[in-house]
Structures are given as structure tokens and as C-alpha cells.
C-alpha atoms as a PDB file:
ATOM      1  CA  UNK A   1     -54.400  24.776  11.303  1.00  0.00           C
ATOM      2  CA  UNK A   2     -51.182  25.665  13.006  1.00  0.00           C
ATOM      3  CA  UNK A   3     -48.199  23.074  13.321  1.00  0.00           C
ATOM      4  CA  UNK A   4     -47.492  23.029  16.952  1.00  0.00           C
ATOM      5  CA  UNK A   5     -44.152  23.692  18.611  1.00  0.00           C
ATOM      6  CA  UNK A   6     -42.556  19.857  18.363  1.00  0.00           C
ATOM      7  CA  UNK A   7     -43.532  19.575  14.655  1.00  0.00           C
ATOM      8  CA  UNK A   8     -41.737  23.011  14.298  1.00  0.00           C
ATOM      9  CA  UNK A   9     -38.703  21.983  16.371  1.00  0.00           C
ATOM     10  CA  UNK A  10     -38.682  18.818  14.147  1.00  0.00           C
ATOM     11  CA  UNK A  11     -38.892  20.381  10.759  1.00  0.00           C
ATOM     12  CA  UNK A  12     -35.723  22.300  12.043  1.00  0.00           C
ATOM     13  CA  UNK A  13     -33.604  19.206  11.725  1.00  0.00           C
ATOM     14  CA  UNK A  14     -34.173  18.656   8.104  1.00  0.00           C
ATOM     15  CA  UNK A  15     -32.788  20.922   5.208  1.00  0.00           C
ATOM     16  CA  UNK A  16     -33.715  21.314   2.096  1.00  0.00           C
ATOM     17  CA  UNK A  17     -32.259  18.901  -0.721  1.00  0.00           C
ATOM     18  CA  UNK A  18     -31.120  21.721  -3.038  1.00  0.00           C
ATOM     19  CA  UNK A  19     -28.940  22.872  -0.456  1.00  0.00           C
ATOM     20  CA  UNK A  20     -26.809  19.803   0.050  1.00  0.00           C
ATOM     21  CA  UNK A  21     -24.570  18.419  -2.818  1.00  0.00           C
ATOM     22  CA  UNK A  22     -24.059  14.429  -2.954  1.00  0.00           C
ATOM     23  CA  UNK A  23     -21.351  13.293  -5.111  1.00  0.00           C
ATOM     24  CA  UNK A  24     -22.046   9.695  -3.865  1.00  0.00           C
ATOM     25  CA  UNK A  25     -20.157   7.501  -1.296  1.00  0.00           C
ATOM     26  CA  UNK A  26     -16.089   6.960  -2.507  1.00  0.00           C
ATOM     27  CA  UNK A  27     -16.900   3.480  -3.444  1.00  0.00           C
ATOM     28  CA  UNK A  28     -19.915   4.646  -5.500  1.00  0.00           C
ATOM     29  CA  UNK A  29     -17.892   6.969  -7.434  1.00  0.00           C
ATOM     30  CA  UNK A  30     -15.023   4.358  -7.846  1.00  0.00           C
ATOM     31  CA  UNK A  31     -17.411   2.162  -9.466  1.00  0.00           C
ATOM     32  CA  UNK A  32     -18.729   4.742 -11.719  1.00  0.00           C
ATOM     33  CA  UNK A  33     -15.691   5.342 -13.205  1.00  0.00           C
ATOM     34  CA  UNK A  34     -14.847   1.695 -13.468  1.00  0.00           C
ATOM     35  CA  UNK A  35     -18.144   0.929 -15.333  1.00  0.00           C
ATOM     36  CA  UNK A  36     -17.262   3.986 -17.522  1.00  0.00           C
ATOM     37  CA  UNK A  37     -13.968   2.932 -18.809  1.00  0.00           C
ATOM     38  CA  UNK A  38     -15.408  -0.349 -19.356  1.00  0.00           C
ATOM     39  CA  UNK A  39     -17.888   1.045 -21.685  1.00  0.00           C
ATOM     40  CA  UNK A  40     -15.148   3.123 -23.315  1.00  0.00           C
ATOM     41  CA  UNK A  41     -13.055   0.067 -23.576  1.00  0.00           C
ATOM     42  CA  UNK A  42     -15.444  -1.813 -25.381  1.00  0.00           C
ATOM     43  CA  UNK A  43     -16.424   0.998 -27.887  1.00  0.00           C
ATOM     44  CA  UNK A  44     -12.365   1.100 -28.480  1.00  0.00           C
ATOM     45  CA  UNK A  45     -11.605   3.723 -27.027  1.00  0.00           C
ATOM     46  CA  UNK A  46      -8.674   2.709 -24.834  1.00  0.00           C
ATOM     47  CA  UNK A  47      -7.117   5.832 -23.821  1.00  0.00           C
ATOM     48  CA  UNK A  48     -10.182   7.014 -22.549  1.00  0.00           C
ATOM     49  CA  UNK A  49     -10.869   3.609 -20.712  1.00  0.00           C
ATOM     50  CA  UNK A  50      -7.470   3.788 -19.510  1.00  0.00           C
ATOM     51  CA  UNK A  51      -7.869   7.783 -18.085  1.00  0.00           C
ATOM     52  CA  UNK A  52     -11.157   6.186 -16.106  1.00  0.00           C
ATOM     53  CA  UNK A  53      -9.313   3.512 -14.612  1.00  0.00           C
ATOM     54  CA  UNK A  54      -7.044   5.915 -13.144  1.00  0.00           C
ATOM     55  CA  UNK A  55      -9.709   8.561 -12.027  1.00  0.00           C
ATOM     56  CA  UNK A  56     -11.381   5.163 -10.501  1.00  0.00           C
ATOM     57  CA  UNK A  57      -7.948   4.628  -8.808  1.00  0.00           C
ATOM     58  CA  UNK A  58      -7.638   8.067  -7.361  1.00  0.00           C
ATOM     59  CA  UNK A  59     -11.060   8.151  -6.057  1.00  0.00           C
ATOM     60  CA  UNK A  60     -10.353   4.365  -4.408  1.00  0.00           C
ATOM     61  CA  UNK A  61      -7.302   6.126  -2.758  1.00  0.00           C
ATOM     62  CA  UNK A  62      -9.904   8.985  -0.879  1.00  0.00           C
ATOM     63  CA  UNK A  63     -11.682   6.144   0.929  1.00  0.00           C
ATOM     64  CA  UNK A  64     -12.763   7.567   4.476  1.00  0.00           C
ATOM     65  CA  UNK A  65     -11.332   4.264   6.608  1.00  0.00           C
ATOM     66  CA  UNK A  66      -7.747   3.744   5.667  1.00  0.00           C
ATOM     67  CA  UNK A  67      -8.499  -0.147   5.784  1.00  0.00           C
ATOM     68  CA  UNK A  68     -10.311   0.071   2.341  1.00  0.00           C
ATOM     69  CA  UNK A  69      -8.170   2.690   0.465  1.00  0.00           C
ATOM     70  CA  UNK A  70      -6.681   1.537  -2.712  1.00  0.00           C
ATOM     71  CA  UNK A  71      -8.297  -1.927  -2.648  1.00  0.00           C
ATOM     72  CA  UNK A  72      -9.713  -2.757  -5.749  1.00  0.00           C
ATOM     73  CA  UNK A  73      -7.023  -4.515  -7.504  1.00  0.00           C
ATOM     74  CA  UNK A  74      -8.700  -5.124 -10.427  1.00  0.00           C
ATOM     75  CA  UNK A  75      -8.315  -0.668 -11.617  1.00  0.00           C
ATOM     76  CA  UNK A  76      -4.635  -1.560 -11.237  1.00  0.00           C
ATOM     77  CA  UNK A  77      -4.453  -4.474 -13.653  1.00  0.00           C
ATOM     78  CA  UNK A  78      -6.825  -2.734 -15.994  1.00  0.00           C
ATOM     79  CA  UNK A  79      -4.858   0.518 -16.222  1.00  0.00           C
ATOM     80  CA  UNK A  80      -1.564  -1.502 -16.565  1.00  0.00           C
ATOM     81  CA  UNK A  81      -3.302  -3.783 -19.337  1.00  0.00           C
ATOM     82  CA  UNK A  82      -4.694  -0.905 -21.444  1.00  0.00           C
ATOM     83  CA  UNK A  83      -1.031   0.979 -21.117  1.00  0.00           C
ATOM     84  CA  UNK A  84       0.281  -2.166 -22.300  1.00  0.00           C
ATOM     85  CA  UNK A  85      -2.018  -2.319 -25.366  1.00  0.00           C
ATOM     86  CA  UNK A  86      -1.737   1.415 -26.260  1.00  0.00           C
ATOM     87  CA  UNK A  87       2.066   0.221 -26.510  1.00  0.00           C
END
């Protein structure tokens, strides 16, 4: 049984997932760096935690909507605190 013309046309709207690379939404990338920083901090690796918090800040500055750019204030505090504790 062959697919009809409408079915073939509908399939044309979709692409294989192997062709798409999805890195996550900007807020998802921010939270990934945030949690990674928290884990480093809990493990006593303050320098790596600070690097993760800074990376999260860069990701937050890349938000698609201008009203949401750099709105995770906790990242600023955590980056400042880890810098302070490193001396």
C-alpha cells in the first residue's frame, strides 16, 4: 500500500532529527551552567564554580527577548561571592 499524495506532502513538513542540532533554550542553558556551578561549589572547586556562573551570565545575556536579558541576578551574586572567597 503506497502513501497517498496528501500523506507524502505532510511528511515533507518534517525533517529527520539527525539534521537538527538543538542546544536548548537560552534559559535552559543558563540553568545548566548554574547547576553545574553549584555542584562544583559543593565539591569545593570554587574556581570552577565561578567559571560556570560566568558562563551562565554570558548565556543569560544571549536571550532572544530583550526584556529577559541578564535577569538572573543570583548569578551576579554567586560570581561575586566566589570571587571574594578566592581572595
